Amino acid sequence: MSTIHVDVVSAEESIFSGNAKFVALPGEAGELGIYPKHTPLITRIKPGAVRILRADNDEEEFVFVAGGILEIQPDVVTVLADTAIRGHDLDEAKANEALKAAEEARANAKSDIDFAKATSELAIMAAQIAAIRKLRGK
C-alpha cells in the first residue's frame, strides 16, 4: 500500500506529522484531494478543515487551518498554516464568541483597514464553526 508523509505546522508548533493514505483540504480554487504520488503543487489554502486518513490505523485526523500555504511533492505533503488547531481542541462556544466580536468590530470599523481586518477574522471564524459542526456531525 502506498502512503504519503504529511506535515501540518503552524507558527507555534507541529500539529501533525505522519503517514497517510489520503489528504483533503480547502485549496484556493476549491477542495483538494491528495493521494500518494500526487503531481507537485504549491498553492494557498483557505480557512477550513484538513482531513488526513492515517495510514497506521485508518482513522481520520482532523485539523482546522486559518489559511496558509500547501506544498505537495509525490511523497510529502506540507501544510504551513497561519493558525492550526487539532479537531479535538476546537471549542464551538469560543468560536461563536469570536464570531460575534468580529461582527461587532466590522460594524464599528473606523477605517478600511479595520473593516478588512474584521472581515478576514469573520471569514476565519465562520469557517471554524462550519468545520466544528462538520466534525461533530451537527
Protein backbone atom coordinates (compact mmCIF):
# COMPACT_ATOMS: atom_id res chain seq x y z
CA MET A 1 0.00 0.00 0.00
CA SER A 2 1.33 3.40 -0.96
CA THR A 3 1.39 6.24 1.57
CA ILE A 4 2.34 9.90 1.66
CA HIS A 5 4.07 11.71 4.52
CA VAL A 6 2.04 14.65 5.88
CA ASP A 7 3.29 17.55 8.00
CA VAL A 8 0.87 20.19 9.30
CA VAL A 9 2.67 23.02 11.08
CA SER A 10 1.75 26.44 12.39
CA ALA A 11 3.97 29.26 13.63
CA GLU A 12 3.55 27.88 17.15
CA GLU A 13 4.02 24.12 16.75
CA SER A 14 3.91 20.97 14.68
CA ILE A 15 0.27 19.83 14.69
CA PHE A 16 0.58 16.56 12.77
CA SER A 17 3.41 14.53 11.30
CA GLY A 18 2.81 11.04 9.96
CA ASN A 19 1.93 8.85 7.01
CA ALA A 20 -1.44 8.98 5.32
CA LYS A 21 -3.41 7.26 2.60
CA PHE A 22 -5.30 10.42 1.63
CA VAL A 23 -5.47 14.12 2.50
CA ALA A 24 -8.27 16.62 1.73
CA LEU A 25 -8.17 20.37 2.35
CA PRO A 26 -9.62 23.67 1.14
CA GLY A 27 -7.38 24.98 -1.64
CA GLU A 28 -7.65 28.48 -3.02
CA ALA A 29 -9.58 27.26 -6.06
CA GLY A 30 -11.63 24.59 -4.25
CA GLU A 31 -11.34 21.35 -2.29
CA LEU A 32 -8.14 19.38 -2.96
CA GLY A 33 -7.83 15.62 -2.61
CA ILE A 34 -4.29 14.29 -2.41
CA TYR A 35 -3.18 10.69 -2.83
CA PRO A 36 0.39 9.32 -2.78
CA LYS A 37 2.38 10.15 -5.94
CA HIS A 38 0.42 13.38 -6.49
CA THR A 39 1.78 15.84 -9.01
CA PRO A 40 3.93 18.55 -7.36
CA LEU A 41 1.97 21.68 -6.49
CA ILE A 42 2.23 24.83 -4.39
CA THR A 43 -0.94 26.78 -3.61
CA ARG A 44 -2.57 28.91 -0.96
CA ILE A 45 -5.16 27.32 1.26
CA LYS A 46 -8.34 28.85 2.62
CA PRO A 47 -9.65 28.59 6.18
CA GLY A 48 -11.23 25.21 6.76
CA ALA A 49 -10.68 21.56 7.63
CA VAL A 50 -7.67 19.44 6.75
CA ARG A 51 -8.74 15.80 6.78
CA ILE A 52 -5.99 13.18 6.95
CA LEU A 53 -6.72 9.46 6.55
CA ARG A 54 -3.96 7.96 8.67
CA ALA A 55 -2.04 5.00 7.23
CA ASP A 56 -1.39 3.37 10.62
CA ASN A 57 -4.97 2.94 11.84
CA ASP A 58 -7.35 4.10 9.05
CA GLU A 59 -8.72 6.81 11.35
CA GLU A 60 -9.33 10.32 10.12
CA GLU A 61 -7.25 13.08 11.70
CA PHE A 62 -8.95 16.48 11.61
CA VAL A 63 -7.16 19.87 11.80
CA PHE A 64 -8.66 23.34 11.35
CA VAL A 65 -6.40 25.79 9.50
CA ALA A 66 -6.99 29.52 9.20
CA GLY A 67 -5.25 29.68 5.82
CA GLY A 68 -1.67 29.21 4.72
CA ILE A 69 0.42 27.51 2.06
CA LEU A 70 0.31 23.93 0.77
CA GLU A 71 3.25 22.20 -0.87
CA ILE A 72 2.76 18.81 -2.47
CA GLN A 73 5.58 16.54 -3.61
CA PRO A 74 4.98 12.95 -4.78
CA ASP A 75 5.82 11.53 -1.33
CA VAL A 76 5.32 14.53 1.00
CA VAL A 77 2.51 16.98 1.78
CA THR A 78 3.43 20.06 3.81
CA VAL A 79 0.79 22.42 5.19
CA LEU A 80 2.23 25.68 6.52
CA ALA A 81 -0.75 27.16 8.34
CA ASP A 82 -1.24 30.67 9.67
CA THR A 83 -3.06 29.06 12.59
CA ALA A 84 -3.79 25.36 13.08
CA ILE A 85 -5.95 23.71 15.74
CA ARG A 86 -6.43 19.98 16.28
CA GLY A 87 -10.03 18.88 15.84
CA HIS A 88 -10.43 17.74 19.44
CA ASP A 89 -9.18 21.14 20.68
CA LEU A 90 -11.82 23.16 18.81
CA ASP A 91 -14.29 24.97 21.08
CA GLU A 92 -17.60 25.94 19.49
CA ALA A 93 -18.59 28.34 22.29
CA LYS A 94 -15.29 30.26 21.97
CA ALA A 95 -15.63 30.29 18.18
CA ASN A 96 -19.15 31.72 18.43
CA GLU A 97 -17.94 34.43 20.82
CA ALA A 98 -15.09 35.32 18.44
CA LEU A 99 -17.54 35.41 15.52
CA LYS A 100 -19.76 37.89 17.38
CA ALA A 101 -16.73 40.00 18.29
CA ALA A 102 -15.63 40.07 14.63
CA GLU A 103 -19.14 41.06 13.51
CA GLU A 104 -19.12 43.86 16.07
CA ALA A 105 -15.64 45.01 15.06
CA ARG A 106 -16.68 45.12 11.41
CA ALA A 107 -19.83 47.09 12.21
CA ASN A 108 -17.78 49.60 14.24
CA ALA A 109 -14.77 49.82 11.89
CA LYS A 110 -13.40 53.35 11.60
CA SER A 111 -11.14 52.72 8.60
CA ASP A 112 -10.88 50.49 5.55
CA ILE A 113 -8.03 48.61 7.22
CA ASP A 114 -10.09 47.92 10.34
CA PHE A 115 -13.01 46.80 8.16
CA ALA A 116 -10.79 44.45 6.12
CA LYS A 117 -9.19 43.00 9.26
CA ALA A 118 -12.59 42.35 10.87
CA THR A 119 -13.95 40.85 7.64
CA SER A 120 -10.98 38.46 7.46
CA GLU A 121 -11.48 37.41 11.09
CA LEU A 122 -15.19 36.94 10.42
CA ALA A 123 -14.45 34.60 7.49
CA ILE A 124 -11.98 32.57 9.58
CA MET A 125 -14.41 32.18 12.49
CA ALA A 126 -17.30 31.24 10.17
CA ALA A 127 -15.07 28.57 8.59
CA GLN A 128 -14.03 27.31 12.02
CA ILE A 129 -17.65 26.99 13.16
CA ALA A 130 -18.54 25.15 9.94
CA ALA A 131 -15.58 22.81 10.48
CA ILE A 132 -16.61 22.12 14.08
CA ARG A 133 -20.14 21.29 13.02
CA LYS A 134 -18.90 19.02 10.23
CA LEU A 135 -16.53 17.24 12.62
CA ARG A 136 -19.20 16.73 15.25
CA GLY A 137 -21.93 15.79 12.77
CA LYS A 138 -24.25 18.72 13.51
